[in-house]
N, C-alpha and C. Protein backbone atom coordinates (compact mmCIF):
# COMPACT_ATOMS: atom_id res chain seq x y z
N LEU A 1 77.83 130.45 177.37
CA LEU A 1 76.71 130.92 176.57
C LEU A 1 75.49 131.08 177.46
N SER A 2 74.74 132.10 177.18
CA SER A 2 73.50 132.26 177.93
C SER A 2 72.36 131.69 177.11
N SER A 3 71.26 131.42 177.76
CA SER A 3 70.12 130.85 177.07
C SER A 3 69.07 131.94 176.84
N LEU A 4 68.21 131.67 175.89
CA LEU A 4 67.07 132.53 175.65
C LEU A 4 65.90 131.90 176.39
N GLU A 5 65.23 132.65 177.25
CA GLU A 5 64.10 132.11 178.01
C GLU A 5 62.88 132.96 177.72
N GLN A 6 61.77 132.29 177.59
CA GLN A 6 60.52 133.02 177.46
C GLN A 6 59.40 132.17 178.05
N SER A 7 58.39 132.84 178.56
CA SER A 7 57.24 132.17 179.13
C SER A 7 55.98 132.75 178.51
N GLY A 8 54.97 131.93 178.43
CA GLY A 8 53.69 132.37 177.91
C GLY A 8 52.62 131.37 178.27
N ARG A 9 51.42 131.66 177.87
CA ARG A 9 50.28 130.78 178.15
C ARG A 9 49.83 130.12 176.85
N THR A 10 49.44 128.86 176.96
CA THR A 10 48.88 128.15 175.82
C THR A 10 47.39 128.47 175.75
N ALA A 11 46.72 127.98 174.71
CA ALA A 11 45.29 128.25 174.53
C ALA A 11 44.45 127.74 175.70
N ASP A 12 44.90 126.65 176.36
CA ASP A 12 44.11 126.11 177.49
C ASP A 12 44.51 126.71 178.84
N GLY A 13 45.42 127.70 178.83
CA GLY A 13 45.81 128.37 180.07
C GLY A 13 47.03 127.79 180.75
N SER A 14 47.64 126.77 180.18
CA SER A 14 48.86 126.20 180.75
C SER A 14 50.00 127.19 180.60
N LEU A 15 50.91 127.18 181.57
CA LEU A 15 52.11 128.01 181.50
C LEU A 15 53.18 127.25 180.74
N LEU A 16 53.70 127.84 179.66
CA LEU A 16 54.72 127.22 178.83
C LEU A 16 55.99 128.03 178.94
N THR A 17 57.04 127.42 179.49
CA THR A 17 58.33 128.08 179.63
C THR A 17 59.30 127.41 178.68
N THR A 18 60.03 128.22 177.91
CA THR A 18 60.94 127.70 176.90
C THR A 18 62.34 128.25 177.14
N TRP A 19 63.33 127.36 177.08
CA TRP A 19 64.74 127.74 177.14
C TRP A 19 65.38 127.26 175.85
N GLN A 20 66.17 128.12 175.21
CA GLN A 20 66.86 127.74 173.99
C GLN A 20 68.35 128.01 174.16
N LEU A 21 69.15 127.07 173.71
CA LEU A 21 70.60 127.18 173.79
C LEU A 21 71.21 126.78 172.45
N GLU A 22 72.34 127.32 172.16
CA GLU A 22 73.14 126.84 171.04
C GLU A 22 74.51 126.53 171.60
N ILE A 23 74.92 125.28 171.48
CA ILE A 23 76.18 124.83 172.07
C ILE A 23 77.14 124.50 170.93
N PRO A 24 78.31 125.12 170.89
CA PRO A 24 79.27 124.79 169.83
C PRO A 24 79.94 123.45 170.12
N LEU A 25 79.97 122.59 169.10
CA LEU A 25 80.61 121.28 169.21
C LEU A 25 81.73 121.19 168.19
N ARG A 26 82.82 120.55 168.58
CA ARG A 26 83.90 120.31 167.62
C ARG A 26 83.61 118.99 166.91
N ASN A 27 83.62 119.05 165.59
CA ASN A 27 83.43 117.87 164.75
C ASN A 27 84.59 117.85 163.76
N ALA A 28 85.60 117.02 164.05
CA ALA A 28 86.84 117.01 163.28
C ALA A 28 87.48 118.39 163.36
N HIS A 29 87.60 119.10 162.23
CA HIS A 29 88.23 120.42 162.24
C HIS A 29 87.21 121.54 162.23
N ASP A 30 85.94 121.21 162.30
CA ASP A 30 84.88 122.21 162.25
C ASP A 30 84.23 122.40 163.61
N ILE A 31 83.62 123.56 163.78
CA ILE A 31 82.76 123.83 164.94
C ILE A 31 81.34 123.86 164.40
N VAL A 32 80.48 122.99 164.92
CA VAL A 32 79.09 122.95 164.47
C VAL A 32 78.17 123.27 165.65
N PRO A 33 77.02 123.90 165.39
CA PRO A 33 76.11 124.24 166.49
C PRO A 33 75.20 123.06 166.84
N LEU A 34 75.01 122.85 168.13
CA LEU A 34 73.98 121.95 168.63
C LEU A 34 72.90 122.86 169.19
N GLN A 35 71.76 122.90 168.53
CA GLN A 35 70.66 123.75 168.98
C GLN A 35 69.76 122.91 169.88
N VAL A 36 69.50 123.44 171.08
CA VAL A 36 68.73 122.73 172.09
C VAL A 36 67.57 123.62 172.53
N LYS A 37 66.38 123.04 172.58
CA LYS A 37 65.23 123.77 173.11
C LYS A 37 64.54 122.88 174.14
N PHE A 38 64.41 123.39 175.36
CA PHE A 38 63.68 122.72 176.43
C PHE A 38 62.38 123.47 176.65
N GLN A 39 61.30 122.75 176.86
CA GLN A 39 60.03 123.38 177.22
C GLN A 39 59.42 122.64 178.40
N ARG A 40 58.86 123.42 179.32
CA ARG A 40 58.12 122.85 180.45
C ARG A 40 56.72 123.44 180.38
N GLU A 41 55.74 122.54 180.37
CA GLU A 41 54.34 122.98 180.32
C GLU A 41 53.69 122.60 181.63
N ASP A 42 53.24 123.64 182.37
CA ASP A 42 52.56 123.45 183.64
C ASP A 42 51.07 123.62 183.41
N PRO A 43 50.24 122.66 183.85
CA PRO A 43 48.79 122.79 183.68
C PRO A 43 48.27 124.05 184.37
N PRO A 44 47.13 124.57 183.90
CA PRO A 44 46.58 125.77 184.55
C PRO A 44 46.26 125.50 186.01
N GLU A 45 46.48 126.52 186.85
CA GLU A 45 46.20 126.37 188.29
C GLU A 45 44.72 126.49 188.55
N GLN A 46 44.28 125.80 189.59
CA GLN A 46 42.88 125.88 190.03
C GLN A 46 42.72 127.11 190.91
N GLY A 47 41.60 127.21 191.55
CA GLY A 47 41.33 128.33 192.46
C GLY A 47 42.32 128.35 193.61
N PRO A 48 42.40 129.46 194.35
CA PRO A 48 43.38 129.60 195.44
C PRO A 48 43.25 128.54 196.52
N GLU A 49 42.03 128.06 196.76
CA GLU A 49 41.85 127.06 197.81
C GLU A 49 42.46 125.72 197.44
N ASP A 50 42.59 125.44 196.15
CA ASP A 50 43.14 124.16 195.70
C ASP A 50 44.61 124.28 195.31
N LYS A 51 45.20 125.45 195.53
CA LYS A 51 46.53 125.71 195.00
C LYS A 51 47.59 124.72 195.49
N ARG A 52 47.68 124.53 196.81
CA ARG A 52 48.71 123.64 197.35
C ARG A 52 48.47 122.19 196.94
N GLU A 53 47.24 121.73 197.07
CA GLU A 53 46.93 120.34 196.72
C GLU A 53 47.16 120.12 195.22
N HIS A 54 46.75 121.09 194.40
CA HIS A 54 46.89 120.96 192.96
C HIS A 54 48.37 120.99 192.55
N ARG A 55 49.16 121.84 193.19
CA ARG A 55 50.57 121.95 192.85
C ARG A 55 51.28 120.62 193.07
N GLU A 56 50.90 119.91 194.14
CA GLU A 56 51.55 118.64 194.42
C GLU A 56 51.14 117.56 193.43
N SER A 57 49.93 117.65 192.86
CA SER A 57 49.45 116.57 192.01
C SER A 57 49.53 116.89 190.52
N LYS A 58 49.88 118.11 190.16
CA LYS A 58 49.88 118.45 188.73
C LYS A 58 51.02 117.75 188.01
N ASP A 59 50.80 117.54 186.74
CA ASP A 59 51.78 116.83 185.92
C ASP A 59 52.42 117.80 184.94
N GLN A 60 53.72 117.97 185.07
CA GLN A 60 54.44 118.82 184.13
C GLN A 60 54.81 117.99 182.91
N LEU A 61 54.66 118.60 181.76
CA LEU A 61 55.08 118.00 180.50
C LEU A 61 56.39 118.66 180.10
N TRP A 62 57.42 117.85 179.87
CA TRP A 62 58.71 118.35 179.44
C TRP A 62 58.93 117.94 177.99
N ARG A 63 59.44 118.89 177.19
CA ARG A 63 59.80 118.60 175.81
C ARG A 63 61.24 119.03 175.58
N VAL A 64 61.95 118.30 174.75
CA VAL A 64 63.29 118.71 174.34
C VAL A 64 63.39 118.50 172.83
N GLU A 65 63.99 119.48 172.18
CA GLU A 65 64.26 119.39 170.74
C GLU A 65 65.74 119.65 170.53
N LEU A 66 66.36 118.82 169.71
CA LEU A 66 67.76 118.98 169.36
C LEU A 66 67.86 119.07 167.85
N ALA A 67 68.76 119.89 167.36
CA ALA A 67 69.03 119.97 165.93
C ALA A 67 70.54 120.15 165.75
N PHE A 68 71.12 119.33 164.88
CA PHE A 68 72.55 119.43 164.62
C PHE A 68 72.85 118.81 163.26
N ASP A 69 74.03 119.11 162.74
CA ASP A 69 74.44 118.63 161.43
C ASP A 69 75.88 118.17 161.55
N LEU A 70 76.08 116.85 161.68
CA LEU A 70 77.41 116.28 161.83
C LEU A 70 77.80 115.51 160.57
N THR A 71 78.99 115.78 160.07
CA THR A 71 79.52 115.03 158.94
C THR A 71 79.92 113.66 159.44
N PRO A 72 79.61 112.60 158.82
CA PRO A 72 78.92 112.40 157.55
C PRO A 72 77.42 112.11 157.71
N LEU A 73 76.89 112.25 158.92
CA LEU A 73 75.49 111.88 159.16
C LEU A 73 74.50 112.84 158.52
N GLY A 74 74.85 114.10 158.44
CA GLY A 74 73.94 115.10 157.88
C GLY A 74 73.03 115.67 158.96
N PRO A 75 72.09 116.52 158.56
CA PRO A 75 71.19 117.15 159.53
C PRO A 75 70.31 116.13 160.27
N LEU A 76 70.26 116.28 161.60
CA LEU A 76 69.45 115.42 162.47
C LEU A 76 68.58 116.29 163.36
N HIS A 77 67.38 115.82 163.64
CA HIS A 77 66.45 116.50 164.53
C HIS A 77 65.88 115.46 165.49
N VAL A 78 65.80 115.84 166.75
CA VAL A 78 65.25 114.95 167.78
C VAL A 78 64.18 115.73 168.53
N GLN A 79 63.02 115.12 168.71
CA GLN A 79 61.97 115.69 169.54
C GLN A 79 61.55 114.61 170.54
N ALA A 80 61.56 114.97 171.83
CA ALA A 80 61.17 114.02 172.86
C ALA A 80 60.26 114.70 173.86
N GLN A 81 59.35 113.91 174.46
CA GLN A 81 58.43 114.40 175.50
C GLN A 81 58.52 113.47 176.69
N LEU A 82 58.44 114.05 177.87
CA LEU A 82 58.44 113.28 179.11
C LEU A 82 57.26 113.73 179.95
N LEU A 83 56.38 112.80 180.28
CA LEU A 83 55.21 113.07 181.11
C LEU A 83 55.00 111.88 182.03
N ARG A 84 55.04 112.14 183.35
CA ARG A 84 54.84 111.09 184.36
C ARG A 84 55.78 109.89 184.15
N GLY A 85 57.02 110.15 183.80
CA GLY A 85 57.99 109.08 183.61
C GLY A 85 57.87 108.33 182.30
N ASN A 86 56.93 108.74 181.45
CA ASN A 86 56.76 108.11 180.14
C ASN A 86 57.42 108.97 179.07
N LEU A 87 58.31 108.37 178.31
CA LEU A 87 59.06 109.09 177.29
C LEU A 87 58.59 108.67 175.91
N SER A 88 58.40 109.64 175.04
CA SER A 88 58.15 109.35 173.63
C SER A 88 59.08 110.24 172.83
N GLY A 89 59.52 109.74 171.69
CA GLY A 89 60.48 110.51 170.91
C GLY A 89 60.39 110.20 169.43
N GLN A 90 60.76 111.20 168.66
CA GLN A 90 60.82 111.09 167.21
C GLN A 90 62.17 111.63 166.77
N LEU A 91 62.80 110.94 165.84
CA LEU A 91 64.05 111.39 165.27
C LEU A 91 63.87 111.52 163.76
N TRP A 92 64.49 112.56 163.19
CA TRP A 92 64.45 112.76 161.75
C TRP A 92 65.86 112.92 161.24
N ALA A 93 66.19 112.19 160.18
CA ALA A 93 67.48 112.32 159.51
C ALA A 93 67.21 112.65 158.05
N GLN A 94 67.91 113.63 157.52
CA GLN A 94 67.66 114.00 156.14
C GLN A 94 68.23 112.99 155.16
N HIS A 95 69.35 112.33 155.52
CA HIS A 95 69.94 111.32 154.64
C HIS A 95 69.32 109.95 154.92
N SER A 96 68.96 109.24 153.87
CA SER A 96 68.31 107.94 154.05
C SER A 96 69.22 106.94 154.76
N ALA A 97 70.51 106.95 154.46
CA ALA A 97 71.44 106.01 155.12
C ALA A 97 71.50 106.27 156.62
N THR A 98 71.45 107.54 157.02
CA THR A 98 71.48 107.89 158.45
C THR A 98 70.18 107.46 159.12
N ALA A 99 69.05 107.67 158.44
CA ALA A 99 67.75 107.23 159.00
C ALA A 99 67.74 105.72 159.19
N GLU A 100 68.28 104.98 158.24
CA GLU A 100 68.34 103.52 158.37
C GLU A 100 69.25 103.10 159.52
N LEU A 101 70.39 103.77 159.66
CA LEU A 101 71.32 103.47 160.75
C LEU A 101 70.66 103.70 162.10
N ILE A 102 70.00 104.85 162.26
CA ILE A 102 69.34 105.17 163.52
C ILE A 102 68.22 104.17 163.80
N ALA A 103 67.40 103.87 162.78
CA ALA A 103 66.29 102.93 162.96
C ALA A 103 66.80 101.56 163.41
N SER A 104 67.97 101.15 162.90
CA SER A 104 68.52 99.84 163.29
C SER A 104 68.98 99.82 164.74
N GLN A 105 69.20 101.00 165.35
CA GLN A 105 69.69 101.07 166.73
C GLN A 105 68.62 101.49 167.74
N LEU A 106 67.38 101.66 167.29
CA LEU A 106 66.33 102.13 168.20
C LEU A 106 66.05 101.15 169.34
N ASP A 107 66.14 99.86 169.08
CA ASP A 107 65.90 98.89 170.16
C ASP A 107 66.96 99.01 171.26
N VAL A 108 68.20 99.26 170.87
CA VAL A 108 69.27 99.46 171.85
C VAL A 108 69.00 100.72 172.66
N LEU A 109 68.63 101.81 171.98
CA LEU A 109 68.30 103.06 172.67
C LEU A 109 67.12 102.87 173.60
N ARG A 110 66.08 102.21 173.14
CA ARG A 110 64.90 101.95 173.97
C ARG A 110 65.29 101.19 175.24
N GLN A 111 66.14 100.16 175.11
CA GLN A 111 66.55 99.38 176.27
C GLN A 111 67.38 100.21 177.24
N ARG A 112 68.27 101.05 176.73
CA ARG A 112 69.09 101.89 177.60
C ARG A 112 68.25 102.91 178.35
N LEU A 113 67.22 103.45 177.69
CA LEU A 113 66.31 104.37 178.37
C LEU A 113 65.51 103.65 179.45
N LYS A 114 65.08 102.43 179.16
CA LYS A 114 64.36 101.64 180.17
C LYS A 114 65.28 101.32 181.35
N ASP A 115 66.54 100.99 181.05
CA ASP A 115 67.50 100.71 182.11
C ASP A 115 67.73 101.94 183.00
N ALA A 116 67.53 103.13 182.43
CA ALA A 116 67.68 104.37 183.19
C ALA A 116 66.43 104.72 183.99
N GLY A 117 65.39 103.86 183.91
CA GLY A 117 64.19 104.06 184.70
C GLY A 117 63.04 104.75 183.98
N LEU A 118 63.14 104.91 182.68
CA LEU A 118 62.07 105.55 181.93
C LEU A 118 61.20 104.50 181.25
N SER A 119 59.94 104.81 181.15
CA SER A 119 59.01 103.97 180.39
C SER A 119 58.90 104.57 178.99
N VAL A 120 59.35 103.85 177.99
CA VAL A 120 59.36 104.36 176.62
C VAL A 120 58.07 103.92 175.94
N THR A 121 57.25 104.92 175.59
CA THR A 121 55.96 104.62 174.97
C THR A 121 56.02 104.64 173.45
N ASP A 122 56.91 105.47 172.90
CA ASP A 122 56.99 105.60 171.45
C ASP A 122 58.38 106.10 171.09
N LEU A 123 59.00 105.47 170.11
CA LEU A 123 60.33 105.88 169.67
C LEU A 123 60.45 105.49 168.20
N ASP A 124 60.53 106.49 167.33
CA ASP A 124 60.57 106.25 165.89
C ASP A 124 61.60 107.13 165.22
N CYS A 125 62.06 106.68 164.05
CA CYS A 125 62.97 107.47 163.23
C CYS A 125 62.37 107.60 161.83
N HIS A 126 62.50 108.79 161.26
CA HIS A 126 61.95 109.08 159.93
C HIS A 126 63.02 109.75 159.08
N GLN A 127 62.87 109.61 157.77
CA GLN A 127 63.74 110.36 156.88
C GLN A 127 63.05 111.67 156.54
N GLY A 128 63.83 112.76 156.50
CA GLY A 128 63.28 114.07 156.18
C GLY A 128 63.46 115.04 157.32
N THR A 129 62.51 115.99 157.42
CA THR A 129 62.54 117.00 158.47
C THR A 129 61.24 116.92 159.27
N PRO A 130 61.25 117.40 160.50
CA PRO A 130 60.03 117.37 161.32
C PRO A 130 58.91 118.15 160.64
N PRO A 131 57.68 117.65 160.67
CA PRO A 131 56.58 118.34 160.01
C PRO A 131 56.27 119.71 160.60
N ALA A 132 56.55 119.92 161.88
CA ALA A 132 56.25 121.21 162.50
C ALA A 132 57.15 122.31 161.97
N HIS A 133 58.30 121.94 161.45
CA HIS A 133 59.24 122.92 160.91
C HIS A 133 59.28 122.76 159.40
N GLY A 134 58.82 123.74 158.68
CA GLY A 134 58.87 123.67 157.24
C GLY A 134 60.29 123.77 156.71
N HIS A 135 61.24 124.18 157.54
CA HIS A 135 62.62 124.31 157.12
C HIS A 135 63.52 123.81 158.24
N THR A 136 64.77 123.66 157.93
CA THR A 136 65.75 123.21 158.90
C THR A 136 66.15 124.36 159.81
N PRO A 137 65.97 124.22 161.13
CA PRO A 137 66.36 125.32 162.01
C PRO A 137 67.86 125.62 161.94
N LEU A 138 68.65 124.69 161.42
CA LEU A 138 70.09 124.90 161.34
C LEU A 138 70.46 125.92 160.26
N GLU A 139 69.49 126.32 159.44
CA GLU A 139 69.78 127.31 158.41
C GLU A 139 70.13 128.65 159.04
N GLN A 140 69.74 128.87 160.29
CA GLN A 140 70.03 130.12 160.95
C GLN A 140 70.75 129.84 162.25
N ARG A 141 71.92 130.46 162.44
CA ARG A 141 72.66 130.31 163.67
C ARG A 141 72.08 131.24 164.72
N TRP A 142 72.02 130.81 165.97
CA TRP A 142 71.51 131.65 167.05
C TRP A 142 72.60 132.54 167.62
N VAL A 143 73.84 132.06 167.53
CA VAL A 143 74.97 132.79 168.08
C VAL A 143 75.80 133.31 166.92
N ASP A 144 76.09 134.60 166.91
CA ASP A 144 76.91 135.20 165.86
C ASP A 144 78.37 135.07 166.30
N GLU A 145 79.09 134.14 165.69
CA GLU A 145 80.46 133.89 166.12
C GLU A 145 81.44 134.97 165.67
N THR A 146 80.98 135.90 164.81
CA THR A 146 81.86 136.99 164.39
C THR A 146 81.68 138.25 165.24
N ALA A 147 80.69 138.24 166.14
CA ALA A 147 80.41 139.45 166.96
C ALA A 147 81.50 139.67 167.98
């Protein structure tokens, strides 16, 4: 599968590059899509004289969003950010039982991320859908499997 890539500038002049993928996963007898979006935000560059020094010291912000719907867990959404080795993440589960299950395992996830060398600043699970998306991105497939 190929990815969709696009680049643009944010309001403050940062370069925002986005890659989107849809990966088919086998779940029992079904094929379900795993939608993945990676974003890299590069701060705006300074004048030409500071270019090399600034490039070495600038901090890239990485974001990843995942969306999938696995039986019996239901629709899940993950949003994570990585900046200077500090990770923060939010998880959303539409089913209350799934949200409770994930919330009960967050300490284990936090410890495994720390063991991998990341500093975890925030990690939460909520029931529902992410506020930035008024709808579930899984309602629309990115790859037409009948084409």
